[in-house]
Amino acid sequence: MEEEKKDERMVLLHGFNNQEAVAIMRAVKSVIEDPQGVAFSVTTPTNIQWQVGQLIREVREEHEYMKENPPSTK
């Protein structure tokens, strides 16, 4: 099995409300090295049907895009 790379870290949340999910994300980021390198995702009706590898690839691609193209704060 290929060793997971540090820049491929991801946390998947399922069953939490928005407030709980944000609190969990903040807690994780507060205790790990390089918190910006961790991608977070919550389950959706679509992605819950995906294979795990497919979900990780999709979330990591979106995460990298958002790091390179942050939303404007206008």
C-alpha atoms as a PDB file:
ATOM      1  CA  MET A   1       0.000   0.000   0.000  1.00  0.00           C
ATOM      2  CA  GLU A   2       1.308   3.449  -0.914  1.00  0.00           C
ATOM      3  CA  GLU A   3       2.329   5.505   2.109  1.00  0.00           C
ATOM      4  CA  GLU A   4       0.014   8.465   2.691  1.00  0.00           C
ATOM      5  CA  LYS A   5       1.737  11.768   2.088  1.00  0.00           C
ATOM      6  CA  LYS A   6       1.529  14.525   4.664  1.00  0.00           C
ATOM      7  CA  ASP A   7       0.047  16.918   2.097  1.00  0.00           C
ATOM      8  CA  GLU A   8      -2.823  14.507   1.430  1.00  0.00           C
ATOM      9  CA  ARG A   9      -4.347  14.676   4.906  1.00  0.00           C
ATOM     10  CA  MET A  10      -8.119  14.897   5.064  1.00  0.00           C
ATOM     11  CA  VAL A  11     -10.829  14.801   7.713  1.00  0.00           C
ATOM     12  CA  LEU A  12     -14.311  13.611   6.763  1.00  0.00           C
ATOM     13  CA  LEU A  13     -17.192  14.592   9.048  1.00  0.00           C
ATOM     14  CA  HIS A  14     -20.534  12.862   9.057  1.00  0.00           C
ATOM     15  CA  GLY A  15     -23.626  13.493  11.158  1.00  0.00           C
ATOM     16  CA  PHE A  16     -22.545  16.771  12.756  1.00  0.00           C
ATOM     17  CA  ASN A  17     -24.490  20.018  12.537  1.00  0.00           C
ATOM     18  CA  ASN A  18     -22.714  23.091  11.135  1.00  0.00           C
ATOM     19  CA  GLN A  19     -21.744  24.486  14.542  1.00  0.00           C
ATOM     20  CA  GLU A  20     -20.296  21.148  15.657  1.00  0.00           C
ATOM     21  CA  ALA A  21     -18.418  20.701  12.364  1.00  0.00           C
ATOM     22  CA  VAL A  22     -16.799  24.137  12.635  1.00  0.00           C
ATOM     23  CA  ALA A  23     -15.812  23.452  16.258  1.00  0.00           C
ATOM     24  CA  ILE A  24     -14.236  20.128  15.268  1.00  0.00           C
ATOM     25  CA  MET A  25     -12.322  21.727  12.392  1.00  0.00           C
ATOM     26  CA  ARG A  26     -10.990  24.458  14.679  1.00  0.00           C
ATOM     27  CA  ALA A  27      -9.999  21.898  17.323  1.00  0.00           C
ATOM     28  CA  VAL A  28      -8.133  19.740  14.801  1.00  0.00           C
ATOM     29  CA  LYS A  29      -6.325  22.752  13.343  1.00  0.00           C
ATOM     30  CA  SER A  30      -5.280  23.890  16.821  1.00  0.00           C
ATOM     31  CA  VAL A  31      -3.362  20.692  17.609  1.00  0.00           C
ATOM     32  CA  ILE A  32      -1.635  19.700  14.372  1.00  0.00           C
ATOM     33  CA  GLU A  33       1.411  20.846  12.491  1.00  0.00           C
ATOM     34  CA  ASP A  34       0.597  22.694   9.251  1.00  0.00           C
ATOM     35  CA  PRO A  35      -3.159  23.078   9.748  1.00  0.00           C
ATOM     36  CA  GLN A  36      -3.511  24.689   6.320  1.00  0.00           C
ATOM     37  CA  GLY A  37      -2.432  21.403   4.778  1.00  0.00           C
ATOM     38  CA  VAL A  38      -5.452  19.504   6.070  1.00  0.00           C
ATOM     39  CA  ALA A  39      -8.560  19.302   3.915  1.00  0.00           C
ATOM     40  CA  PHE A  40     -11.952  18.982   5.571  1.00  0.00           C
ATOM     41  CA  SER A  41     -15.159  17.653   4.109  1.00  0.00           C
ATOM     42  CA  VAL A  42     -18.624  16.785   5.270  1.00  0.00           C
ATOM     43  CA  THR A  43     -20.714  14.055   3.765  1.00  0.00           C
ATOM     44  CA  THR A  44     -23.345  14.954   1.192  1.00  0.00           C
ATOM     45  CA  PRO A  45     -25.993  12.824  -0.507  1.00  0.00           C
ATOM     46  CA  THR A  46     -23.665  12.638  -3.505  1.00  0.00           C
ATOM     47  CA  ASN A  47     -20.270  11.995  -1.935  1.00  0.00           C
ATOM     48  CA  ILE A  48     -21.565   9.430   0.556  1.00  0.00           C
ATOM     49  CA  GLN A  49     -21.985   7.093  -2.440  1.00  0.00           C
ATOM     50  CA  TRP A  50     -18.371   7.461  -3.607  1.00  0.00           C
ATOM     51  CA  GLN A  51     -15.531   5.077  -2.906  1.00  0.00           C
ATOM     52  CA  VAL A  52     -13.165   6.430  -0.259  1.00  0.00           C
ATOM     53  CA  GLY A  53     -10.267   6.926  -2.659  1.00  0.00           C
ATOM     54  CA  GLN A  54     -12.449   8.886  -5.052  1.00  0.00           C
ATOM     55  CA  LEU A  55     -13.700  11.099  -2.212  1.00  0.00           C
ATOM     56  CA  ILE A  56     -10.172  11.807  -0.949  1.00  0.00           C
ATOM     57  CA  ARG A  57      -8.938  12.725  -4.433  1.00  0.00           C
ATOM     58  CA  GLU A  58     -11.882  15.064  -5.025  1.00  0.00           C
ATOM     59  CA  VAL A  59     -11.582  16.787  -1.644  1.00  0.00           C
ATOM     60  CA  ARG A  60      -7.809  17.210  -1.980  1.00  0.00           C
ATOM     61  CA  GLU A  61      -8.194  18.686  -5.482  1.00  0.00           C
ATOM     62  CA  GLU A  62     -10.778  21.178  -4.208  1.00  0.00           C
ATOM     63  CA  HIS A  63      -8.578  22.017  -1.231  1.00  0.00           C
ATOM     64  CA  GLU A  64      -5.551  22.719  -3.416  1.00  0.00           C
ATOM     65  CA  TYR A  65      -7.662  24.865  -5.751  1.00  0.00           C
ATOM     66  CA  MET A  66      -8.994  26.915  -2.840  1.00  0.00           C
ATOM     67  CA  LYS A  67      -5.485  27.407  -1.430  1.00  0.00           C
ATOM     68  CA  GLU A  68      -4.351  28.771  -4.792  1.00  0.00           C
ATOM     69  CA  ASN A  69      -7.573  30.700  -5.488  1.00  0.00           C
ATOM     70  CA  PRO A  70      -8.948  31.945  -2.153  1.00  0.00           C
ATOM     71  CA  PRO A  71     -12.396  33.504  -2.309  1.00  0.00           C
ATOM     72  CA  SER A  72     -12.352  37.283  -2.365  1.00  0.00           C
ATOM     73  CA  THR A  73     -13.410  39.044   0.806  1.00  0.00           C
ATOM     74  CA  LYS A  74     -15.240  41.898  -0.942  1.00  0.00           C
END
